[in-house]
């Protein structure tokens, strides 16, 4: 529990207290992406989740095959930091909202594309980590 609280403080620091963090917050904010590219398909959440899948694949491969980080450090950086970056609950909410609005095709596309491209991004991260 203490690690979770510290992880939340760390994430807030990264997201709000430096220039790169401000960019990261904007990019992980689905509303910002939706304003830029439209709102019919939840592209903001899609981009954030696919990016998170890539970085989790990269980090876990590096931490298990190259850097050999301790299990607690791997969890802190992947589940804690990158898990906070991705937005699975938002994905579920937006998919449910599409269903509620009768947008069955967009809802199905969101599910299929998110899972499919998420796996591709995860594997791409693994491949890149092995070539570093």
N, C-alpha and C. Protein backbone atom coordinates (compact mmCIF):
# COMPACT_ATOMS: atom_id res chain seq x y z
N UNK A 1 0.83 -1.19 0.00
CA UNK A 1 0.00 0.00 0.00
C UNK A 1 0.87 1.25 0.00
N UNK A 2 1.91 1.27 0.82
CA UNK A 2 2.80 2.43 0.86
C UNK A 2 3.44 2.65 -0.50
N UNK A 3 3.82 1.54 -1.16
CA UNK A 3 4.41 1.64 -2.49
C UNK A 3 3.41 2.24 -3.47
N UNK A 4 2.13 1.88 -3.36
CA UNK A 4 1.11 2.44 -4.24
C UNK A 4 0.96 3.94 -4.03
N UNK A 5 0.96 4.38 -2.79
CA UNK A 5 0.86 5.81 -2.50
C UNK A 5 2.08 6.54 -3.07
N UNK A 6 3.26 6.01 -2.82
CA UNK A 6 4.47 6.62 -3.37
C UNK A 6 4.46 6.62 -4.88
N UNK A 7 3.94 5.56 -5.49
CA UNK A 7 3.85 5.48 -6.94
C UNK A 7 2.93 6.58 -7.46
N UNK A 8 1.81 6.81 -6.78
CA UNK A 8 0.90 7.87 -7.20
C UNK A 8 1.56 9.23 -7.11
N UNK A 9 2.30 9.48 -6.04
CA UNK A 9 3.03 10.74 -5.91
C UNK A 9 4.05 10.89 -7.03
N UNK A 10 4.76 9.81 -7.32
CA UNK A 10 5.75 9.84 -8.39
C UNK A 10 5.10 10.15 -9.73
N UNK A 11 3.97 9.49 -10.02
CA UNK A 11 3.28 9.72 -11.29
C UNK A 11 2.81 11.17 -11.40
N UNK A 12 2.27 11.71 -10.31
CA UNK A 12 1.84 13.11 -10.35
C UNK A 12 3.03 14.03 -10.61
N UNK A 13 4.16 13.73 -10.01
CA UNK A 13 5.35 14.55 -10.23
C UNK A 13 5.76 14.53 -11.69
N UNK A 14 5.79 13.35 -12.27
CA UNK A 14 6.19 13.23 -13.68
C UNK A 14 5.18 13.93 -14.58
N UNK A 15 3.91 13.80 -14.26
CA UNK A 15 2.89 14.35 -15.13
C UNK A 15 2.75 15.86 -15.04
N UNK A 16 3.04 16.46 -13.89
CA UNK A 16 2.73 17.87 -13.72
C UNK A 16 3.93 18.80 -13.52
N UNK A 17 5.05 18.31 -13.07
CA UNK A 17 6.09 19.21 -12.59
C UNK A 17 7.27 19.45 -13.52
N UNK A 18 7.22 18.98 -14.72
CA UNK A 18 8.28 19.32 -15.66
C UNK A 18 7.71 19.40 -17.06
N UNK A 19 8.46 19.97 -17.97
CA UNK A 19 7.94 20.18 -19.32
C UNK A 19 7.56 18.87 -19.99
N UNK A 20 8.40 17.88 -19.87
CA UNK A 20 8.09 16.59 -20.47
C UNK A 20 6.83 16.02 -19.83
N UNK A 21 6.68 16.20 -18.55
CA UNK A 21 5.50 15.72 -17.85
C UNK A 21 4.24 16.38 -18.34
N UNK A 22 4.30 17.68 -18.63
CA UNK A 22 3.12 18.37 -19.16
C UNK A 22 2.74 17.77 -20.51
N UNK A 23 3.74 17.46 -21.35
CA UNK A 23 3.46 16.83 -22.63
C UNK A 23 2.86 15.45 -22.41
N UNK A 24 3.44 14.68 -21.46
CA UNK A 24 2.95 13.35 -21.16
C UNK A 24 1.50 13.41 -20.69
N UNK A 25 1.18 14.37 -19.82
CA UNK A 25 -0.19 14.47 -19.33
C UNK A 25 -1.15 14.77 -20.48
N UNK A 26 -0.77 15.71 -21.36
CA UNK A 26 -1.65 16.02 -22.50
C UNK A 26 -1.86 14.78 -23.37
N UNK A 27 -0.79 14.02 -23.61
CA UNK A 27 -0.90 12.86 -24.48
C UNK A 27 -1.70 11.74 -23.85
N UNK A 28 -1.67 11.62 -22.53
CA UNK A 28 -2.43 10.54 -21.90
C UNK A 28 -3.84 11.01 -21.56
N UNK A 29 -4.16 12.24 -21.87
CA UNK A 29 -5.48 12.78 -21.59
C UNK A 29 -6.36 12.55 -22.82
N UNK A 30 -7.24 11.54 -22.77
CA UNK A 30 -8.06 11.24 -23.94
C UNK A 30 -8.89 12.42 -24.44
N UNK A 31 -9.31 13.31 -23.56
CA UNK A 31 -10.10 14.46 -24.00
C UNK A 31 -9.29 15.36 -24.92
N UNK A 32 -8.00 15.56 -24.61
CA UNK A 32 -7.14 16.39 -25.44
C UNK A 32 -7.01 15.79 -26.83
N UNK A 33 -6.78 14.48 -26.91
CA UNK A 33 -6.64 13.82 -28.20
C UNK A 33 -7.97 13.87 -28.94
N UNK A 34 -9.07 13.66 -28.22
CA UNK A 34 -10.39 13.70 -28.84
C UNK A 34 -10.71 15.07 -29.42
N UNK A 35 -10.30 16.14 -28.74
CA UNK A 35 -10.52 17.49 -29.25
C UNK A 35 -9.73 17.70 -30.53
N UNK A 36 -8.55 17.11 -30.60
CA UNK A 36 -7.68 17.31 -31.75
C UNK A 36 -8.14 16.50 -32.96
N UNK A 37 -8.62 15.25 -32.75
CA UNK A 37 -8.93 14.36 -33.87
C UNK A 37 -10.38 13.93 -33.94
N UNK A 38 -11.25 14.43 -33.13
CA UNK A 38 -12.66 14.07 -33.21
C UNK A 38 -13.05 13.08 -32.13
N UNK A 39 -14.36 12.96 -31.91
CA UNK A 39 -14.85 12.18 -30.78
C UNK A 39 -15.72 10.99 -31.15
N UNK A 40 -15.95 10.70 -32.41
CA UNK A 40 -16.83 9.59 -32.73
C UNK A 40 -16.22 8.25 -32.31
N UNK A 41 -14.93 8.07 -32.49
CA UNK A 41 -14.20 6.89 -32.03
C UNK A 41 -13.28 7.34 -30.91
N UNK A 42 -13.19 6.58 -29.82
CA UNK A 42 -12.36 7.02 -28.67
C UNK A 42 -10.85 6.90 -28.96
N UNK A 43 -10.37 7.71 -29.89
CA UNK A 43 -8.99 7.62 -30.34
C UNK A 43 -7.99 7.98 -29.24
N UNK A 44 -8.35 8.88 -28.35
CA UNK A 44 -7.43 9.27 -27.29
C UNK A 44 -7.09 8.11 -26.38
N UNK A 45 -8.10 7.41 -25.93
CA UNK A 45 -7.87 6.24 -25.07
C UNK A 45 -7.14 5.16 -25.84
N UNK A 46 -7.49 4.98 -27.10
CA UNK A 46 -6.84 3.99 -27.95
C UNK A 46 -5.34 4.27 -28.06
N UNK A 47 -4.97 5.51 -28.35
CA UNK A 47 -3.55 5.88 -28.49
C UNK A 47 -2.80 5.68 -27.17
N UNK A 48 -3.39 6.10 -26.08
CA UNK A 48 -2.74 5.96 -24.77
C UNK A 48 -2.52 4.48 -24.44
N UNK A 49 -3.53 3.65 -24.64
CA UNK A 49 -3.41 2.24 -24.30
C UNK A 49 -2.41 1.51 -25.19
N UNK A 50 -2.38 1.82 -26.48
CA UNK A 50 -1.43 1.17 -27.38
C UNK A 50 -0.01 1.60 -27.03
N UNK A 51 0.18 2.86 -26.74
CA UNK A 51 1.50 3.35 -26.33
C UNK A 51 1.94 2.66 -25.05
N UNK A 52 1.04 2.52 -24.09
CA UNK A 52 1.35 1.83 -22.84
C UNK A 52 1.72 0.37 -23.07
N UNK A 53 1.02 -0.30 -23.97
CA UNK A 53 1.35 -1.70 -24.30
C UNK A 53 2.76 -1.80 -24.86
N UNK A 54 3.12 -0.88 -25.74
CA UNK A 54 4.46 -0.88 -26.31
C UNK A 54 5.52 -0.72 -25.21
N UNK A 55 5.32 0.26 -24.34
CA UNK A 55 6.32 0.52 -23.30
C UNK A 55 6.38 -0.60 -22.25
N UNK A 56 5.25 -1.25 -21.98
CA UNK A 56 5.29 -2.39 -21.05
C UNK A 56 6.05 -3.55 -21.68
N UNK A 57 5.83 -3.81 -22.97
CA UNK A 57 6.59 -4.85 -23.65
C UNK A 57 8.08 -4.55 -23.66
N UNK A 58 8.43 -3.31 -23.93
CA UNK A 58 9.83 -2.88 -23.94
C UNK A 58 10.44 -3.01 -22.55
N UNK A 59 9.77 -2.47 -21.55
CA UNK A 59 10.31 -2.45 -20.19
C UNK A 59 10.43 -3.85 -19.60
N UNK A 60 9.39 -4.65 -19.73
CA UNK A 60 9.44 -5.99 -19.13
C UNK A 60 10.53 -6.83 -19.77
N UNK A 61 10.72 -6.71 -21.07
CA UNK A 61 11.79 -7.46 -21.73
C UNK A 61 13.15 -6.97 -21.28
N UNK A 62 13.31 -5.65 -21.21
CA UNK A 62 14.59 -5.12 -20.72
C UNK A 62 14.86 -5.55 -19.28
N UNK A 63 13.84 -5.48 -18.44
CA UNK A 63 14.03 -5.79 -17.02
C UNK A 63 14.21 -7.28 -16.74
N UNK A 64 13.73 -8.13 -17.62
CA UNK A 64 13.88 -9.58 -17.38
C UNK A 64 15.04 -10.18 -18.15
N UNK A 65 15.45 -9.55 -19.27
CA UNK A 65 16.49 -10.15 -20.10
C UNK A 65 17.79 -9.36 -20.15
N UNK A 66 17.74 -8.07 -19.94
CA UNK A 66 18.95 -7.24 -20.08
C UNK A 66 19.42 -6.63 -18.76
N UNK A 67 18.53 -5.97 -18.09
CA UNK A 67 18.90 -5.22 -16.88
C UNK A 67 18.79 -6.09 -15.63
N UNK A 68 17.94 -7.08 -15.66
CA UNK A 68 17.72 -7.99 -14.52
C UNK A 68 17.37 -7.23 -13.24
N UNK A 69 16.34 -6.43 -13.35
CA UNK A 69 15.83 -5.68 -12.19
C UNK A 69 15.10 -6.63 -11.24
N UNK A 70 15.04 -6.25 -10.00
CA UNK A 70 14.34 -7.07 -9.01
C UNK A 70 12.85 -7.10 -9.33
N UNK A 71 12.15 -8.14 -8.90
CA UNK A 71 10.71 -8.21 -9.16
C UNK A 71 9.94 -7.00 -8.65
N UNK A 72 10.32 -6.49 -7.47
CA UNK A 72 9.60 -5.32 -6.94
C UNK A 72 9.85 -4.08 -7.79
N UNK A 73 11.04 -3.92 -8.33
CA UNK A 73 11.34 -2.78 -9.20
C UNK A 73 10.58 -2.91 -10.52
N UNK A 74 10.53 -4.13 -11.07
CA UNK A 74 9.77 -4.36 -12.31
C UNK A 74 8.31 -3.99 -12.11
N UNK A 75 7.73 -4.43 -10.99
CA UNK A 75 6.33 -4.11 -10.72
C UNK A 75 6.13 -2.61 -10.53
N UNK A 76 7.05 -1.97 -9.83
CA UNK A 76 6.95 -0.53 -9.59
C UNK A 76 6.92 0.23 -10.92
N UNK A 77 7.82 -0.12 -11.82
CA UNK A 77 7.94 0.62 -13.07
C UNK A 77 6.89 0.24 -14.11
N UNK A 78 6.51 -1.03 -14.17
CA UNK A 78 5.56 -1.44 -15.20
C UNK A 78 4.12 -1.36 -14.72
N UNK A 79 3.79 -2.11 -13.70
CA UNK A 79 2.41 -2.10 -13.22
C UNK A 79 2.07 -0.75 -12.59
N UNK A 80 2.99 -0.20 -11.81
CA UNK A 80 2.73 1.07 -11.14
C UNK A 80 2.73 2.25 -12.10
N UNK A 81 3.88 2.53 -12.70
CA UNK A 81 4.00 3.72 -13.53
C UNK A 81 3.27 3.58 -14.86
N UNK A 82 3.56 2.52 -15.61
CA UNK A 82 2.90 2.34 -16.91
C UNK A 82 1.43 1.94 -16.75
N UNK A 83 1.12 1.22 -15.68
CA UNK A 83 -0.28 0.89 -15.42
C UNK A 83 -1.11 2.12 -15.14
N UNK A 84 -0.51 3.09 -14.47
CA UNK A 84 -1.20 4.36 -14.22
C UNK A 84 -1.32 5.18 -15.50
N UNK A 85 -0.40 4.97 -16.42
CA UNK A 85 -0.42 5.69 -17.70
C UNK A 85 -1.58 5.22 -18.58
N UNK A 86 -1.81 3.91 -18.62
CA UNK A 86 -2.87 3.38 -19.48
C UNK A 86 -4.22 3.57 -18.81
N UNK A 87 -5.28 3.42 -19.59
CA UNK A 87 -6.61 3.78 -19.11
C UNK A 87 -7.63 2.69 -19.45
N UNK A 88 -7.47 1.51 -18.85
CA UNK A 88 -8.39 0.42 -19.16
C UNK A 88 -9.82 0.74 -18.74
N UNK A 89 -9.99 1.34 -17.60
CA UNK A 89 -11.35 1.66 -17.16
C UNK A 89 -12.01 2.66 -18.11
N UNK A 90 -11.24 3.59 -18.63
CA UNK A 90 -11.78 4.54 -19.60
C UNK A 90 -12.16 3.81 -20.89
N UNK A 91 -11.32 2.87 -21.30
CA UNK A 91 -11.62 2.03 -22.48
C UNK A 91 -12.96 1.34 -22.29
N UNK A 92 -13.17 0.72 -21.13
CA UNK A 92 -14.42 0.03 -20.86
C UNK A 92 -15.61 1.00 -20.85
N UNK A 93 -15.44 2.14 -20.21
CA UNK A 93 -16.52 3.12 -20.14
C UNK A 93 -16.89 3.62 -21.55
N UNK A 94 -15.89 3.97 -22.33
CA UNK A 94 -16.18 4.49 -23.67
C UNK A 94 -16.80 3.42 -24.57
N UNK A 95 -16.36 2.18 -24.43
CA UNK A 95 -16.95 1.09 -25.19
C UNK A 95 -18.41 0.90 -24.78
N UNK A 96 -18.67 0.94 -23.47
CA UNK A 96 -20.04 0.85 -22.98
C UNK A 96 -20.90 2.01 -23.45
N UNK A 97 -20.34 3.19 -23.48
CA UNK A 97 -21.08 4.37 -23.96
C UNK A 97 -21.45 4.23 -25.43
N UNK A 98 -20.51 3.69 -26.21
CA UNK A 98 -20.81 3.46 -27.63
C UNK A 98 -21.96 2.47 -27.77
N UNK A 99 -21.94 1.41 -26.97
CA UNK A 99 -23.04 0.43 -27.00
C UNK A 99 -24.36 1.08 -26.60
N UNK A 100 -24.34 1.87 -25.55
CA UNK A 100 -25.54 2.55 -25.06
C UNK A 100 -26.13 3.47 -26.13
N UNK A 101 -25.24 4.12 -26.88
CA UNK A 101 -25.67 5.04 -27.94
C UNK A 101 -26.06 4.30 -29.23
N UNK A 102 -25.98 2.98 -29.23
CA UNK A 102 -26.35 2.21 -30.41
C UNK A 102 -25.25 2.11 -31.44
N UNK A 103 -24.05 2.49 -31.09
CA UNK A 103 -22.91 2.45 -32.01
C UNK A 103 -22.21 1.10 -31.90
N UNK A 104 -22.91 0.04 -32.32
CA UNK A 104 -22.39 -1.32 -32.19
C UNK A 104 -21.11 -1.52 -32.98
N UNK A 105 -21.05 -0.99 -34.18
CA UNK A 105 -19.88 -1.18 -35.03
C UNK A 105 -18.65 -0.47 -34.44
N UNK A 106 -18.82 0.76 -33.97
CA UNK A 106 -17.70 1.47 -33.35
C UNK A 106 -17.26 0.79 -32.05
N UNK A 107 -18.22 0.27 -31.30
CA UNK A 107 -17.89 -0.43 -30.07
C UNK A 107 -17.07 -1.69 -30.37
N UNK A 108 -17.51 -2.46 -31.35
CA UNK A 108 -16.78 -3.67 -31.73
C UNK A 108 -15.40 -3.31 -32.29
N UNK A 109 -15.34 -2.26 -33.09
CA UNK A 109 -14.05 -1.83 -33.63
C UNK A 109 -13.11 -1.41 -32.51
N UNK A 110 -13.62 -0.73 -31.52
CA UNK A 110 -12.80 -0.31 -30.39
C UNK A 110 -12.21 -1.52 -29.67
N UNK A 111 -13.02 -2.53 -29.43
CA UNK A 111 -12.56 -3.73 -28.75
C UNK A 111 -11.52 -4.47 -29.59
N UNK A 112 -11.85 -4.74 -30.83
CA UNK A 112 -10.96 -5.52 -31.70
C UNK A 112 -9.65 -4.77 -31.97
N UNK A 113 -9.75 -3.49 -32.30
CA UNK A 113 -8.54 -2.73 -32.60
C UNK A 113 -7.66 -2.53 -31.36
N UNK A 114 -8.29 -2.27 -30.22
CA UNK A 114 -7.51 -2.07 -28.99
C UNK A 114 -6.75 -3.33 -28.60
N UNK A 115 -7.44 -4.46 -28.61
CA UNK A 115 -6.79 -5.71 -28.23
C UNK A 115 -5.76 -6.12 -29.29
N UNK A 116 -6.14 -6.04 -30.56
CA UNK A 116 -5.22 -6.43 -31.64
C UNK A 116 -3.97 -5.57 -31.70
N UNK A 117 -4.15 -4.27 -31.76
CA UNK A 117 -2.99 -3.38 -31.82
C UNK A 117 -2.22 -3.34 -30.51
N UNK A 118 -2.92 -3.59 -29.39
CA UNK A 118 -2.22 -3.68 -28.11
C UNK A 118 -1.23 -4.83 -28.10
N UNK A 119 -1.64 -5.99 -28.61
CA UNK A 119 -0.72 -7.13 -28.69
C UNK A 119 0.43 -6.87 -29.67
N UNK A 120 0.11 -6.24 -30.78
CA UNK A 120 1.16 -5.90 -31.75
C UNK A 120 2.17 -4.93 -31.12
N UNK A 121 1.67 -3.92 -30.43
CA UNK A 121 2.56 -2.94 -29.79
C UNK A 121 3.40 -3.60 -28.70
N UNK A 122 2.79 -4.49 -27.92
CA UNK A 122 3.52 -5.21 -26.88
C UNK A 122 4.67 -6.01 -27.49
N UNK A 123 4.38 -6.76 -28.55
CA UNK A 123 5.41 -7.57 -29.21
C UNK A 123 6.47 -6.68 -29.87
N UNK A 124 6.07 -5.55 -30.41
CA UNK A 124 7.05 -4.62 -31.00
C UNK A 124 8.01 -4.11 -29.93
N UNK A 125 7.48 -3.80 -28.76
CA UNK A 125 8.33 -3.38 -27.65
C UNK A 125 9.31 -4.47 -27.25
N UNK A 126 8.83 -5.71 -27.21
CA UNK A 126 9.72 -6.85 -26.88
C UNK A 126 10.83 -7.00 -27.91
N UNK A 127 10.48 -6.91 -29.19
CA UNK A 127 11.47 -7.07 -30.26
C UNK A 127 12.53 -5.96 -30.18
N UNK A 128 12.10 -4.74 -29.99
CA UNK A 128 13.03 -3.62 -29.90
C UNK A 128 13.93 -3.77 -28.68
N UNK A 129 13.37 -4.19 -27.56
CA UNK A 129 14.17 -4.38 -26.35
C UNK A 129 15.24 -5.45 -26.55
N UNK A 130 14.93 -6.48 -27.28
CA UNK A 130 15.92 -7.54 -27.53
C UNK A 130 17.03 -7.10 -28.48
N UNK A 131 16.76 -6.08 -29.27
CA UNK A 131 17.76 -5.60 -30.22
C UNK A 131 18.61 -4.45 -29.69
N UNK A 132 18.26 -3.98 -28.50
CA UNK A 132 19.01 -2.88 -27.90
C UNK A 132 20.35 -3.41 -27.38
